[in-house]
PDB file of N, CA and C in Angstrom:
ATOM      1  N   MET A   1     -64.640 -70.417 -24.404  1.00  0.00           N
ATOM      2  CA  MET A   1     -65.992 -70.632 -25.017  1.00  0.00           C
ATOM      3  C   MET A   1     -65.908 -71.103 -26.284  1.00  0.00           C
ATOM      4  N   SER A   2     -65.176 -70.790 -27.178  1.00  0.00           N
ATOM      5  CA  SER A   2     -65.674 -70.509 -28.557  1.00  0.00           C
ATOM      6  C   SER A   2     -65.425 -72.313 -28.916  1.00  0.00           C
ATOM      7  N   LEU A   3     -64.591 -73.229 -28.466  1.00  0.00           N
ATOM      8  CA  LEU A   3     -64.362 -74.583 -28.564  1.00  0.00           C
ATOM      9  C   LEU A   3     -66.045 -75.441 -27.759  1.00  0.00           C
ATOM     10  N   VAL A   4     -66.565 -74.778 -26.788  1.00  0.00           N
ATOM     11  CA  VAL A   4     -67.623 -75.548 -26.313  1.00  0.00           C
ATOM     12  C   VAL A   4     -68.628 -75.023 -27.134  1.00  0.00           C
ATOM     13  N   GLN A   5     -68.981 -74.237 -27.502  1.00  0.00           N
ATOM     14  CA  GLN A   5     -70.391 -73.324 -27.873  1.00  0.00           C
ATOM     15  C   GLN A   5     -70.159 -73.483 -29.556  1.00  0.00           C
ATOM     16  N   ASP A   6     -69.238 -74.009 -30.159  1.00  0.00           N
ATOM     17  CA  ASP A   6     -68.901 -74.523 -31.754  1.00  0.00           C
ATOM     18  C   ASP A   6     -69.131 -73.278 -32.270  1.00  0.00           C
ATOM     19  N   GLY A   7     -68.180 -72.184 -31.725  1.00  0.00           N
ATOM     20  CA  GLY A   7     -67.962 -70.977 -32.139  1.00  0.00           C
ATOM     21  C   GLY A   7     -66.882 -70.746 -32.881  1.00  0.00           C
ATOM     22  N   PRO A   8     -66.141 -69.652 -33.733  1.00  0.00           N
ATOM     23  CA  PRO A   8     -65.153 -69.592 -34.307  1.00  0.00           C
ATOM     24  C   PRO A   8     -63.946 -69.786 -33.386  1.00  0.00           C
ATOM     25  N   LEU A   9     -62.892 -69.951 -34.153  1.00  0.00           N
ATOM     26  CA  LEU A   9     -61.466 -70.331 -34.060  1.00  0.00           C
ATOM     27  C   LEU A   9     -61.018 -69.524 -32.864  1.00  0.00           C
ATOM     28  N   PRO A  10     -60.598 -69.764 -31.749  1.00  0.00           N
ATOM     29  CA  PRO A  10     -59.708 -68.970 -30.974  1.00  0.00           C
ATOM     30  C   PRO A  10     -58.765 -68.594 -31.701  1.00  0.00           C
ATOM     31  N   ARG A  11     -58.222 -67.300 -31.561  1.00  0.00           N
ATOM     32  CA  ARG A  11     -57.113 -66.948 -32.173  1.00  0.00           C
ATOM     33  C   ARG A  11     -55.436 -67.267 -31.487  1.00  0.00           C
ATOM     34  N   PHE A  12     -55.748 -67.797 -30.388  1.00  0.00           N
ATOM     35  CA  PHE A  12     -54.510 -68.087 -30.057  1.00  0.00           C
ATOM     36  C   PHE A  12     -53.833 -69.626 -30.673  1.00  0.00           C
ATOM     37  N   LEU A  13     -54.856 -70.203 -31.258  1.00  0.00           N
ATOM     38  CA  LEU A  13     -54.765 -71.654 -31.755  1.00  0.00           C
ATOM     39  C   LEU A  13     -54.250 -71.517 -33.382  1.00  0.00           C
ATOM     40  N   LYS A  14     -53.715 -72.175 -33.931  1.00  0.00           N
ATOM     41  CA  LYS A  14     -53.878 -72.456 -35.273  1.00  0.00           C
ATOM     42  C   LYS A  14     -54.484 -73.761 -35.557  1.00  0.00           C
ATOM     43  N   GLU A  15     -55.333 -73.461 -36.921  1.00  0.00           N
ATOM     44  CA  GLU A  15     -56.241 -73.911 -37.416  1.00  0.00           C
ATOM     45  C   GLU A  15     -55.927 -75.427 -37.274  1.00  0.00           C
ATOM     46  N   ASN A  16     -54.876 -76.081 -37.690  1.00  0.00           N
ATOM     47  CA  ASN A  16     -54.598 -77.257 -37.226  1.00  0.00           C
ATOM     48  C   ASN A  16     -54.668 -78.142 -35.787  1.00  0.00           C
ATOM     49  N   ALA A  17     -54.048 -77.364 -35.193  1.00  0.00           N
ATOM     50  CA  ALA A  17     -54.276 -77.451 -33.761  1.00  0.00           C
ATOM     51  C   ALA A  17     -55.730 -77.580 -33.061  1.00  0.00           C
ATOM     52  N   PHE A  18     -56.633 -76.657 -33.674  1.00  0.00           N
ATOM     53  CA  PHE A  18     -58.042 -76.278 -33.329  1.00  0.00           C
ATOM     54  C   PHE A  18     -58.409 -77.825 -34.237  1.00  0.00           C
ATOM     55  N   GLN A  19     -58.116 -78.322 -35.385  1.00  0.00           N
ATOM     56  CA  GLN A  19     -58.941 -79.621 -35.616  1.00  0.00           C
ATOM     57  C   GLN A  19     -58.325 -81.038 -34.873  1.00  0.00           C
ATOM     58  N   ILE A  20     -57.095 -80.415 -34.669  1.00  0.00           N
ATOM     59  CA  ILE A  20     -56.797 -81.870 -33.888  1.00  0.00           C
ATOM     60  C   ILE A  20     -57.293 -81.930 -32.221  1.00  0.00           C
ATOM     61  N   LEU A  21     -57.967 -80.628 -31.916  1.00  0.00           N
ATOM     62  CA  LEU A  21     -58.921 -80.696 -30.716  1.00  0.00           C
ATOM     63  C   LEU A  21     -59.966 -81.590 -30.660  1.00  0.00           C
ATOM     64  N   VAL A  22     -60.816 -80.957 -31.617  1.00  0.00           N
ATOM     65  CA  VAL A  22     -61.999 -81.273 -31.987  1.00  0.00           C
ATOM     66  C   VAL A  22     -62.475 -82.115 -32.977  1.00  0.00           C
ATOM     67  N   LYS A  23     -61.310 -82.587 -33.623  1.00  0.00           N
ATOM     68  CA  LYS A  23     -61.709 -84.042 -34.544  1.00  0.00           C
ATOM     69  C   LYS A  23     -61.135 -85.109 -33.958  1.00  0.00           C
ATOM     70  N   PRO A  24     -61.459 -86.075 -33.326  1.00  0.00           N
ATOM     71  CA  PRO A  24     -61.095 -87.355 -32.509  1.00  0.00           C
ATOM     72  C   PRO A  24     -60.191 -88.030 -34.103  1.00  0.00           C
ATOM     73  N   GLU A  25     -60.551 -87.879 -35.468  1.00  0.00           N
ATOM     74  CA  GLU A  25     -60.296 -88.742 -36.532  1.00  0.00           C
ATOM     75  C   GLU A  25     -59.194 -88.068 -37.062  1.00  0.00           C
ATOM     76  N   VAL A  26     -58.667 -86.941 -36.614  1.00  0.00           N
ATOM     77  CA  VAL A  26     -57.105 -86.439 -36.942  1.00  0.00           C
ATOM     78  C   VAL A  26     -56.317 -87.490 -36.538  1.00  0.00           C
ATOM     79  N   TYR A  27     -55.557 -88.174 -37.189  1.00  0.00           N
ATOM     80  CA  TYR A  27     -54.355 -89.068 -36.765  1.00  0.00           C
ATOM     81  C   TYR A  27     -52.812 -87.723 -37.235  1.00  0.00           C
ATOM     82  N   VAL A  28     -52.534 -87.635 -35.742  1.00  0.00           N
ATOM     83  CA  VAL A  28     -51.114 -86.721 -36.100  1.00  0.00           C
ATOM     84  C   VAL A  28     -49.995 -87.420 -37.006  1.00  0.00           C
ATOM     85  N   ASN A  29     -50.037 -88.611 -37.035  1.00  0.00           N
ATOM     86  CA  ASN A  29     -48.976 -89.194 -37.845  1.00  0.00           C
ATOM     87  C   ASN A  29     -49.309 -89.045 -39.333  1.00  0.00           C
ATOM     88  N   GLU A  30     -50.433 -88.868 -39.672  1.00  0.00           N
ATOM     89  CA  GLU A  30     -50.575 -88.882 -40.916  1.00  0.00           C
ATOM     90  C   GLU A  30     -50.610 -87.009 -41.581  1.00  0.00           C
ATOM     91  N   LEU A  31     -50.556 -86.202 -40.458  1.00  0.00           N
ATOM     92  CA  LEU A  31     -50.508 -84.598 -40.989  1.00  0.00           C
ATOM     93  C   LEU A  31     -49.148 -84.229 -41.763  1.00  0.00           C
ATOM     94  N   LYS A  32     -49.807 -83.686 -42.768  1.00  0.00           N
ATOM     95  CA  LYS A  32     -48.557 -83.143 -43.666  1.00  0.00           C
ATOM     96  C   LYS A  32     -48.028 -81.831 -43.934  1.00  0.00           C
ATOM     97  N   ALA A  33     -46.578 -81.956 -43.965  1.00  0.00           N
ATOM     98  CA  ALA A  33     -45.993 -80.786 -44.062  1.00  0.00           C
ATOM     99  C   ALA A  33     -46.837 -79.936 -45.168  1.00  0.00           C
ATOM    100  N   ASP A  34     -47.303 -80.154 -45.812  1.00  0.00           N
ATOM    101  CA  ASP A  34     -48.029 -79.029 -46.802  1.00  0.00           C
ATOM    102  C   ASP A  34     -48.665 -77.886 -46.079  1.00  0.00           C
ATOM    103  N   LEU A  35     -49.276 -78.593 -44.621  1.00  0.00           N
ATOM    104  CA  LEU A  35     -50.055 -78.012 -44.034  1.00  0.00           C
ATOM    105  C   LEU A  35     -49.067 -76.638 -43.076  1.00  0.00           C
ATOM    106  N   LEU A  36     -47.930 -76.825 -43.417  1.00  0.00           N
ATOM    107  CA  LEU A  36     -47.106 -75.445 -42.601  1.00  0.00           C
ATOM    108  C   LEU A  36     -47.149 -74.384 -43.252  1.00  0.00           C
ATOM    109  N   SER A  37     -46.429 -73.289 -42.755  1.00  0.00           N
ATOM    110  CA  SER A  37     -46.642 -72.024 -43.726  1.00  0.00           C
ATOM    111  C   SER A  37     -45.674 -72.430 -44.093  1.00  0.00           C
ATOM    112  N   PRO A  38     -45.330 -71.092 -45.065  1.00  0.00           N
ATOM    113  CA  PRO A  38     -44.034 -70.990 -45.765  1.00  0.00           C
ATOM    114  C   PRO A  38     -42.528 -70.882 -44.849  1.00  0.00           C
ATOM    115  N   GLY A  39     -42.802 -69.892 -43.790  1.00  0.00           N
ATOM    116  CA  GLY A  39     -41.281 -70.357 -43.135  1.00  0.00           C
ATOM    117  C   GLY A  39     -41.414 -71.499 -42.109  1.00  0.00           C
ATOM    118  N   GLU A  40     -42.265 -72.256 -41.992  1.00  0.00           N
ATOM    119  CA  GLU A  40     -41.989 -73.830 -41.366  1.00  0.00           C
ATOM    120  C   GLU A  40     -41.984 -74.278 -42.382  1.00  0.00           C
ATOM    121  N   LYS A  41     -42.373 -74.392 -43.539  1.00  0.00           N
ATOM    122  CA  LYS A  41     -41.766 -75.383 -44.961  1.00  0.00           C
ATOM    123  C   LYS A  41     -40.304 -75.136 -44.747  1.00  0.00           C
ATOM    124  N   SER A  42     -39.567 -73.488 -44.784  1.00  0.00           N
ATOM    125  CA  SER A  42     -38.463 -73.493 -44.959  1.00  0.00           C
ATOM    126  C   SER A  42     -37.438 -73.935 -43.984  1.00  0.00           C
ATOM    127  N   LEU A  43     -38.086 -73.875 -42.554  1.00  0.00           N
ATOM    128  CA  LEU A  43     -37.053 -74.417 -41.528  1.00  0.00           C
ATOM    129  C   LEU A  43     -37.041 -76.202 -41.840  1.00  0.00           C
ATOM    130  N   SER A  44     -38.271 -76.611 -42.085  1.00  0.00           N
ATOM    131  CA  SER A  44     -38.417 -78.198 -42.260  1.00  0.00           C
ATOM    132  C   SER A  44     -37.386 -78.410 -43.743  1.00  0.00           C
ATOM    133  N   GLN A  45     -37.251 -77.977 -44.400  1.00  0.00           N
ATOM    134  CA  GLN A  45     -36.434 -78.026 -45.828  1.00  0.00           C
ATOM    135  C   GLN A  45     -34.924 -77.830 -45.200  1.00  0.00           C
ATOM    136  N   SER A  46     -34.669 -77.108 -44.396  1.00  0.00           N
ATOM    137  CA  SER A  46     -33.212 -77.060 -43.821  1.00  0.00           C
ATOM    138  C   SER A  46     -32.811 -77.814 -43.254  1.00  0.00           C
ATOM    139  N   ILE A  47     -33.772 -78.411 -42.322  1.00  0.00           N
ATOM    140  CA  ILE A  47     -33.677 -79.493 -41.397  1.00  0.00           C
ATOM    141  C   ILE A  47     -33.080 -80.762 -42.431  1.00  0.00           C
ATOM    142  N   ARG A  48     -34.074 -80.807 -43.365  1.00  0.00           N
ATOM    143  CA  ARG A  48     -34.035 -82.049 -43.740  1.00  0.00           C
ATOM    144  C   ARG A  48     -32.475 -81.987 -44.817  1.00  0.00           C
ATOM    145  N   GLU A  49     -32.405 -81.093 -44.936  1.00  0.00           N
ATOM    146  CA  GLU A  49     -30.750 -80.655 -45.644  1.00  0.00           C
ATOM    147  C   GLU A  49     -29.556 -81.001 -44.896  1.00  0.00           C
ATOM    148  N   ASP A  50     -29.814 -80.488 -43.713  1.00  0.00           N
ATOM    149  CA  ASP A  50     -28.807 -80.493 -42.716  1.00  0.00           C
ATOM    150  C   ASP A  50     -29.323 -80.764 -41.266  1.00  0.00           C
ATOM    151  N   PRO A  51     -29.690 -81.607 -41.059  1.00  0.00           N
ATOM    152  CA  PRO A  51     -30.066 -82.010 -39.528  1.00  0.00           C
ATOM    153  C   PRO A  51     -29.321 -81.829 -38.096  1.00  0.00           C
ATOM    154  N   THR A  52     -27.881 -82.107 -38.220  1.00  0.00           N
ATOM    155  CA  THR A  52     -27.057 -81.870 -37.709  1.00  0.00           C
ATOM    156  C   THR A  52     -26.815 -80.443 -36.904  1.00  0.00           C
ATOM    157  N   GLY A  53     -27.042 -79.412 -37.940  1.00  0.00           N
ATOM    158  CA  GLY A  53     -26.630 -78.071 -37.996  1.00  0.00           C
ATOM    159  C   GLY A  53     -27.731 -77.681 -37.479  1.00  0.00           C
ATOM    160  N   HIS A  54     -29.091 -78.218 -37.083  1.00  0.00           N
ATOM    161  CA  HIS A  54     -30.104 -77.708 -36.557  1.00  0.00           C
ATOM    162  C   HIS A  54     -30.408 -78.494 -35.533  1.00  0.00           C
ATOM    163  N   GLN A  55     -29.778 -79.457 -34.625  1.00  0.00           N
ATOM    164  CA  GLN A  55     -29.705 -80.109 -33.641  1.00  0.00           C
ATOM    165  C   GLN A  55     -30.553 -79.492 -32.476  1.00  0.00           C
ATOM    166  N   GLU A  56     -30.170 -78.462 -31.972  1.00  0.00           N
ATOM    167  CA  GLU A  56     -31.020 -77.562 -31.143  1.00  0.00           C
ATOM    168  C   GLU A  56     -32.024 -77.390 -31.098  1.00  0.00           C
ATOM    169  N   THR A  57     -32.358 -77.062 -32.417  1.00  0.00           N
ATOM    170  CA  THR A  57     -34.009 -76.677 -33.111  1.00  0.00           C
ATOM    171  C   THR A  57     -34.938 -77.865 -32.828  1.00  0.00           C
ATOM    172  N   ILE A  58     -34.150 -78.995 -33.628  1.00  0.00           N
ATOM    173  CA  ILE A  58     -34.750 -80.417 -33.318  1.00  0.00           C
ATOM    174  C   ILE A  58     -35.099 -81.067 -32.123  1.00  0.00           C
ATOM    175  N   LEU A  59     -33.889 -80.570 -31.072  1.00  0.00           N
ATOM    176  CA  LEU A  59     -34.394 -81.152 -29.845  1.00  0.00           C
ATOM    177  C   LEU A  59     -35.468 -80.429 -29.307  1.00  0.00           C
ATOM    178  N   GLY A  60     -35.304 -78.769 -29.603  1.00  0.00           N
ATOM    179  CA  GLY A  60     -36.464 -77.848 -29.141  1.00  0.00           C
ATOM    180  C   GLY A  60     -37.733 -78.331 -29.203  1.00  0.00           C
ATOM    181  N   HIS A  61     -38.116 -79.246 -30.568  1.00  0.00           N
ATOM    182  CA  HIS A  61     -39.453 -79.493 -31.018  1.00  0.00           C
ATOM    183  C   HIS A  61     -39.635 -80.737 -30.551  1.00  0.00           C
ATOM    184  N   GLY A  62     -39.105 -81.162 -29.993  1.00  0.00           N
ATOM    185  CA  GLY A  62     -39.243 -82.622 -28.976  1.00  0.00           C
ATOM    186  C   GLY A  62     -38.870 -84.090 -29.421  1.00  0.00           C
ATOM    187  N   PHE A  63     -38.146 -83.698 -30.465  1.00  0.00           N
ATOM    188  CA  PHE A  63     -37.345 -85.220 -31.055  1.00  0.00           C
ATOM    189  C   PHE A  63     -36.254 -85.557 -30.077  1.00  0.00           C
ATOM    190  N   THR A  64     -36.555 -86.816 -29.648  1.00  0.00           N
ATOM    191  CA  THR A  64     -35.533 -87.607 -28.488  1.00  0.00           C
ATOM    192  C   THR A  64     -34.608 -88.548 -29.378  1.00  0.00           C
ATOM    193  N   GLY A  65     -34.757 -88.665 -30.584  1.00  0.00           N
ATOM    194  CA  GLY A  65     -33.796 -89.796 -31.112  1.00  0.00           C
ATOM    195  C   GLY A  65     -32.620 -89.132 -31.531  1.00  0.00           C
ATOM    196  N   ILE A  66     -32.136 -89.764 -32.405  1.00  0.00           N
ATOM    197  CA  ILE A  66     -30.847 -89.667 -33.045  1.00  0.00           C
ATOM    198  C   ILE A  66     -31.037 -88.735 -34.173  1.00  0.00           C
ATOM    199  N   VAL A  67     -29.990 -87.656 -34.183  1.00  0.00           N
ATOM    200  CA  VAL A  67     -30.327 -86.632 -35.187  1.00  0.00           C
ATOM    201  C   VAL A  67     -29.357 -86.892 -36.237  1.00  0.00           C
ATOM    202  N   ASP A  68     -29.536 -87.573 -37.361  1.00  0.00           N
ATOM    203  CA  ASP A  68     -28.677 -87.862 -38.232  1.00  0.00           C
ATOM    204  C   ASP A  68     -29.426 -88.228 -39.692  1.00  0.00           C
ATOM    205  N   MET A  69     -28.972 -88.025 -40.723  1.00  0.00           N
ATOM    206  CA  MET A  69     -29.415 -88.336 -41.830  1.00  0.00           C
ATOM    207  C   MET A  69     -30.156 -89.670 -41.935  1.00  0.00           C
ATOM    208  N   GLU A  70     -29.869 -90.666 -41.420  1.00  0.00           N
ATOM    209  CA  GLU A  70     -30.221 -92.119 -41.457  1.00  0.00           C
ATOM    210  C   GLU A  70     -31.714 -92.059 -40.658  1.00  0.00           C
ATOM    211  N   HIS A  71     -32.204 -91.106 -39.838  1.00  0.00           N
ATOM    212  CA  HIS A  71     -33.551 -90.814 -39.550  1.00  0.00           C
ATOM    213  C   HIS A  71     -34.373 -89.254 -39.423  1.00  0.00           C
ATOM    214  N   ILE A  72     -33.939 -88.919 -40.646  1.00  0.00           N
ATOM    215  CA  ILE A  72     -34.645 -87.577 -41.294  1.00  0.00           C
ATOM    216  C   ILE A  72     -36.071 -87.704 -41.028  1.00  0.00           C
ATOM    217  N   ASN A  73     -36.780 -88.855 -41.520  1.00  0.00           N
ATOM    218  CA  ASN A  73     -37.968 -88.849 -41.617  1.00  0.00           C
ATOM    219  C   ASN A  73     -38.886 -88.754 -40.268  1.00  0.00           C
ATOM    220  N   ASP A  74     -38.044 -89.477 -39.386  1.00  0.00           N
ATOM    221  CA  ASP A  74     -38.698 -89.333 -37.986  1.00  0.00           C
ATOM    222  C   ASP A  74     -38.331 -87.887 -37.303  1.00  0.00           C
ATOM    223  N   THR A  75     -37.415 -87.411 -37.580  1.00  0.00           N
ATOM    224  CA  THR A  75     -36.928 -85.866 -37.290  1.00  0.00           C
ATOM    225  C   THR A  75     -37.805 -85.189 -37.944  1.00  0.00           C
ATOM    226  N   THR A  76     -37.840 -84.805 -38.977  1.00  0.00           N
ATOM    227  CA  THR A  76     -38.799 -84.013 -39.648  1.00  0.00           C
ATOM    228  C   THR A  76     -40.393 -84.362 -39.130  1.00  0.00           C
ATOM    229  N   GLY A  77     -40.840 -85.380 -38.807  1.00  0.00           N
ATOM    230  CA  GLY A  77     -42.103 -85.598 -38.773  1.00  0.00           C
ATOM    231  C   GLY A  77     -42.384 -85.212 -37.310  1.00  0.00           C
ATOM    232  N   THR A  78     -41.275 -85.435 -36.446  1.00  0.00           N
ATOM    233  CA  THR A  78     -41.666 -84.759 -35.001  1.00  0.00           C
ATOM    234  C   THR A  78     -41.746 -83.303 -35.014  1.00  0.00           C
ATOM    235  N   VAL A  79     -40.862 -82.507 -35.976  1.00  0.00           N
ATOM    236  CA  VAL A  79     -40.988 -81.029 -36.031  1.00  0.00           C
ATOM    237  C   VAL A  79     -41.959 -80.580 -36.703  1.00  0.00           C
ATOM    238  N   THR A  80     -42.860 -81.434 -37.438  1.00  0.00           N
ATOM    239  CA  THR A  80     -43.785 -81.138 -38.398  1.00  0.00           C
ATOM    240  C   THR A  80     -45.074 -80.865 -37.455  1.00  0.00           C
ATOM    241  N   VAL A  81     -45.146 -82.102 -36.748  1.00  0.00           N
ATOM    242  CA  VAL A  81     -46.119 -82.182 -35.639  1.00  0.00           C
ATOM    243  C   VAL A  81     -46.132 -81.209 -34.638  1.00  0.00           C
ATOM    244  N   ASN A  82     -45.201 -80.868 -34.217  1.00  0.00           N
ATOM    245  CA  ASN A  82     -44.780 -79.831 -33.175  1.00  0.00           C
ATOM    246  C   ASN A  82     -45.253 -78.610 -34.212  1.00  0.00           C
ATOM    247  N   LEU A  83     -44.912 -78.129 -34.798  1.00  0.00           N
ATOM    248  CA  LEU A  83     -45.005 -77.045 -35.471  1.00  0.00           C
ATOM    249  C   LEU A  83     -46.280 -76.876 -35.784  1.00  0.00           C
ATOM    250  N   LEU A  84     -47.192 -77.887 -36.315  1.00  0.00           N
ATOM    251  CA  LEU A  84     -48.449 -77.829 -36.535  1.00  0.00           C
ATOM    252  C   LEU A  84     -49.632 -77.678 -35.235  1.00  0.00           C
ATOM    253  N   ILE A  85     -49.290 -78.420 -34.136  1.00  0.00           N
ATOM    254  CA  ILE A  85     -49.541 -78.059 -33.005  1.00  0.00           C
ATOM    255  C   ILE A  85     -49.174 -77.094 -32.313  1.00  0.00           C
ATOM    256  N   ARG A  86     -48.085 -76.504 -31.981  1.00  0.00           N
ATOM    257  CA  ARG A  86     -47.434 -75.341 -31.235  1.00  0.00           C
ATOM    258  C   ARG A  86     -47.256 -74.186 -31.980  1.00  0.00           C
ATOM    259  N   GLY A  87     -46.850 -74.188 -33.244  1.00  0.00           N
ATOM    260  CA  GLY A  87     -46.443 -72.908 -33.800  1.00  0.00           C
ATOM    261  C   GLY A  87     -44.928 -72.908 -33.849  1.00  0.00           C
ATOM    262  N   SER A  88     -44.395 -72.158 -34.549  1.00  0.00           N
ATOM    263  CA  SER A  88     -43.213 -71.794 -34.521  1.00  0.00           C
ATOM    264  C   SER A  88     -42.643 -71.240 -33.528  1.00  0.00           C
TER     265      SER A  88
END
């Protein structure tokens, strides 16, 4: 009911996920990694340094492409969007 009545943010949603739901002008492809929590930033940086070592995590966050350094921006972008919407 909070969303319908313009009330406070439901506690089960992260602020970024809430904004995506209520603001049609939020573009998922433009979400920045600086919106991540410290733990999520650490995971993102670790993936950036060694994507093949985090293949299961990457695939678990919805990336369906090739996991390698050549596709690192696509990989971390997908993980970032997933973290922002669903949480870690």
